[in-house]
Amino acid sequence: YARNDDAQKARQCMEEMITHTELMPDAQTYKILIKAYSHCAEEYEAKQLYETQIMHHSHLRYDREIVTAMVDCYSRNGYIEDAYHLIQNYLQHDSTDNEANKAMWISLLSG
């Protein structure tokens, strides 16, 4: 669903996974959903997901792929300042991850 620009179906699929199985979303799941929202210009939904389900889990909050996906989402949809602040917050947590830093800055510049 995510690759076919149907973010709502992707979200519904994730919710069904949680409801009907013992599987829980991981960093990869959240990254895919954020990217789906990004490509559908649904940055508000991505932000809600990040703030309600990801921020409360320290192992997800600073996951470089999730943060990069959020930076891309913000940048792609015109929220450059939000993207920049997310990078700054990530750098306070981990400034040594050069690959993540590079991907985040490229996402910001591409926005």
Protein backbone atom coordinates (compact mmCIF):
# COMPACT_ATOMS: atom_id res chain seq x y z
CA TYR A 1 0.00 0.00 0.00
CA ALA A 2 2.77 2.44 0.86
CA ARG A 3 4.38 2.23 -2.59
CA ASN A 4 1.01 2.76 -4.22
CA ASP A 5 0.33 6.05 -2.43
CA ASP A 6 -2.34 4.68 -0.14
CA ALA A 7 -1.18 5.73 3.31
CA GLN A 8 -4.54 5.09 4.93
CA LYS A 9 -4.58 1.48 3.72
CA ALA A 10 -1.00 1.07 4.96
CA ARG A 11 -2.06 2.39 8.38
CA GLN A 12 -5.10 0.10 8.38
CA CYS A 13 -2.86 -2.85 7.52
CA MET A 14 -0.55 -2.04 10.44
CA GLU A 15 -3.51 -1.77 12.81
CA GLU A 16 -4.86 -5.12 11.61
CA MET A 17 -1.42 -6.66 12.15
CA ILE A 18 -1.48 -5.44 15.77
CA THR A 19 -5.07 -6.50 16.37
CA HIS A 20 -5.06 -9.92 14.73
CA THR A 21 -1.55 -11.17 15.42
CA GLU A 22 1.04 -11.03 18.13
CA LEU A 23 3.25 -8.88 15.90
CA MET A 24 4.08 -5.35 16.93
CA PRO A 25 5.38 -2.60 14.65
CA ASP A 26 9.12 -2.11 14.61
CA ALA A 27 11.35 0.64 13.22
CA GLN A 28 10.98 -0.69 9.68
CA THR A 29 7.18 -0.71 9.94
CA TYR A 30 7.09 2.87 11.20
CA LYS A 31 9.57 4.03 8.56
CA ILE A 32 7.42 2.58 5.78
CA LEU A 33 4.29 4.19 7.18
CA ILE A 34 6.00 7.59 7.55
CA LYS A 35 7.21 7.35 3.95
CA ALA A 36 3.68 6.52 2.81
CA TYR A 37 2.36 9.59 4.59
CA SER A 38 5.17 11.66 3.14
CA HIS A 39 4.46 10.67 -0.45
CA CYS A 40 0.74 11.30 0.04
CA ALA A 41 1.38 14.80 1.50
CA GLU A 42 -0.10 13.67 4.81
CA GLU A 43 2.58 15.17 7.03
CA TYR A 44 0.07 15.78 9.84
CA GLU A 45 -0.62 12.05 10.10
CA ALA A 46 3.13 11.31 10.08
CA LYS A 47 3.65 13.85 12.85
CA GLN A 48 0.80 12.34 14.88
CA LEU A 49 2.28 8.87 14.46
CA TYR A 50 5.71 10.10 15.50
CA GLU A 51 4.42 11.99 18.52
CA THR A 52 1.94 9.40 19.78
CA GLN A 53 3.59 6.07 19.03
CA ILE A 54 7.30 6.63 18.42
CA MET A 55 8.43 9.42 20.77
CA HIS A 56 7.57 7.37 23.85
CA HIS A 57 9.95 4.55 22.92
CA SER A 58 13.60 5.53 23.30
CA HIS A 59 14.76 2.72 20.98
CA LEU A 60 12.50 4.14 18.24
CA ARG A 61 12.70 7.84 19.03
CA TYR A 62 16.32 8.06 17.90
CA ASP A 63 16.23 5.38 15.25
CA ARG A 64 18.15 6.91 12.36
CA GLU A 65 15.85 5.53 9.66
CA ILE A 66 12.72 6.78 11.40
CA VAL A 67 14.21 10.22 12.01
CA THR A 68 15.45 10.41 8.43
CA ALA A 69 11.99 9.44 7.16
CA MET A 70 10.44 12.19 9.30
CA VAL A 71 13.00 14.75 8.07
CA ASP A 72 12.17 13.72 4.50
CA CYS A 73 8.44 13.96 5.21
CA TYR A 74 8.72 17.44 6.69
CA SER A 75 11.08 18.68 3.98
CA ARG A 76 9.10 17.21 1.11
CA ASN A 77 5.94 18.91 2.36
CA GLY A 78 7.42 22.34 3.10
CA TYR A 79 8.04 22.06 6.84
CA ILE A 80 11.74 22.87 6.60
CA GLU A 81 12.04 24.33 10.11
CA ASP A 82 10.45 21.23 11.65
CA ALA A 83 12.85 19.05 9.68
CA TYR A 84 15.82 21.14 10.80
CA HIS A 85 14.77 20.96 14.47
CA LEU A 86 14.38 17.20 14.22
CA ILE A 87 17.95 16.93 12.93
CA GLN A 88 19.21 19.16 15.73
CA ASN A 89 17.42 17.02 18.30
CA TYR A 90 18.90 13.85 16.79
CA LEU A 91 22.40 15.34 16.79
CA GLN A 92 22.11 16.07 20.51
CA HIS A 93 21.47 12.37 21.02
CA ASP A 94 23.99 10.96 18.53
CA SER A 95 26.32 13.18 16.55
CA THR A 96 28.74 10.38 15.66
CA ASP A 97 26.52 8.52 13.19
CA ASN A 98 27.85 10.11 10.00
CA GLU A 99 25.77 7.97 7.63
CA ALA A 100 22.56 9.03 9.39
CA ASN A 101 23.70 12.63 9.52
CA LYS A 102 24.41 12.60 5.80
CA ALA A 103 21.03 11.07 4.92
CA MET A 104 19.17 13.54 7.13
CA TRP A 105 20.95 16.58 5.69
CA ILE A 106 20.40 15.34 2.13
CA SER A 107 16.69 14.90 2.90
CA LEU A 108 16.57 18.43 4.27
CA LEU A 109 18.39 19.89 1.29
CA SER A 110 16.18 17.98 -1.13
CA GLY A 111 13.01 19.38 0.46
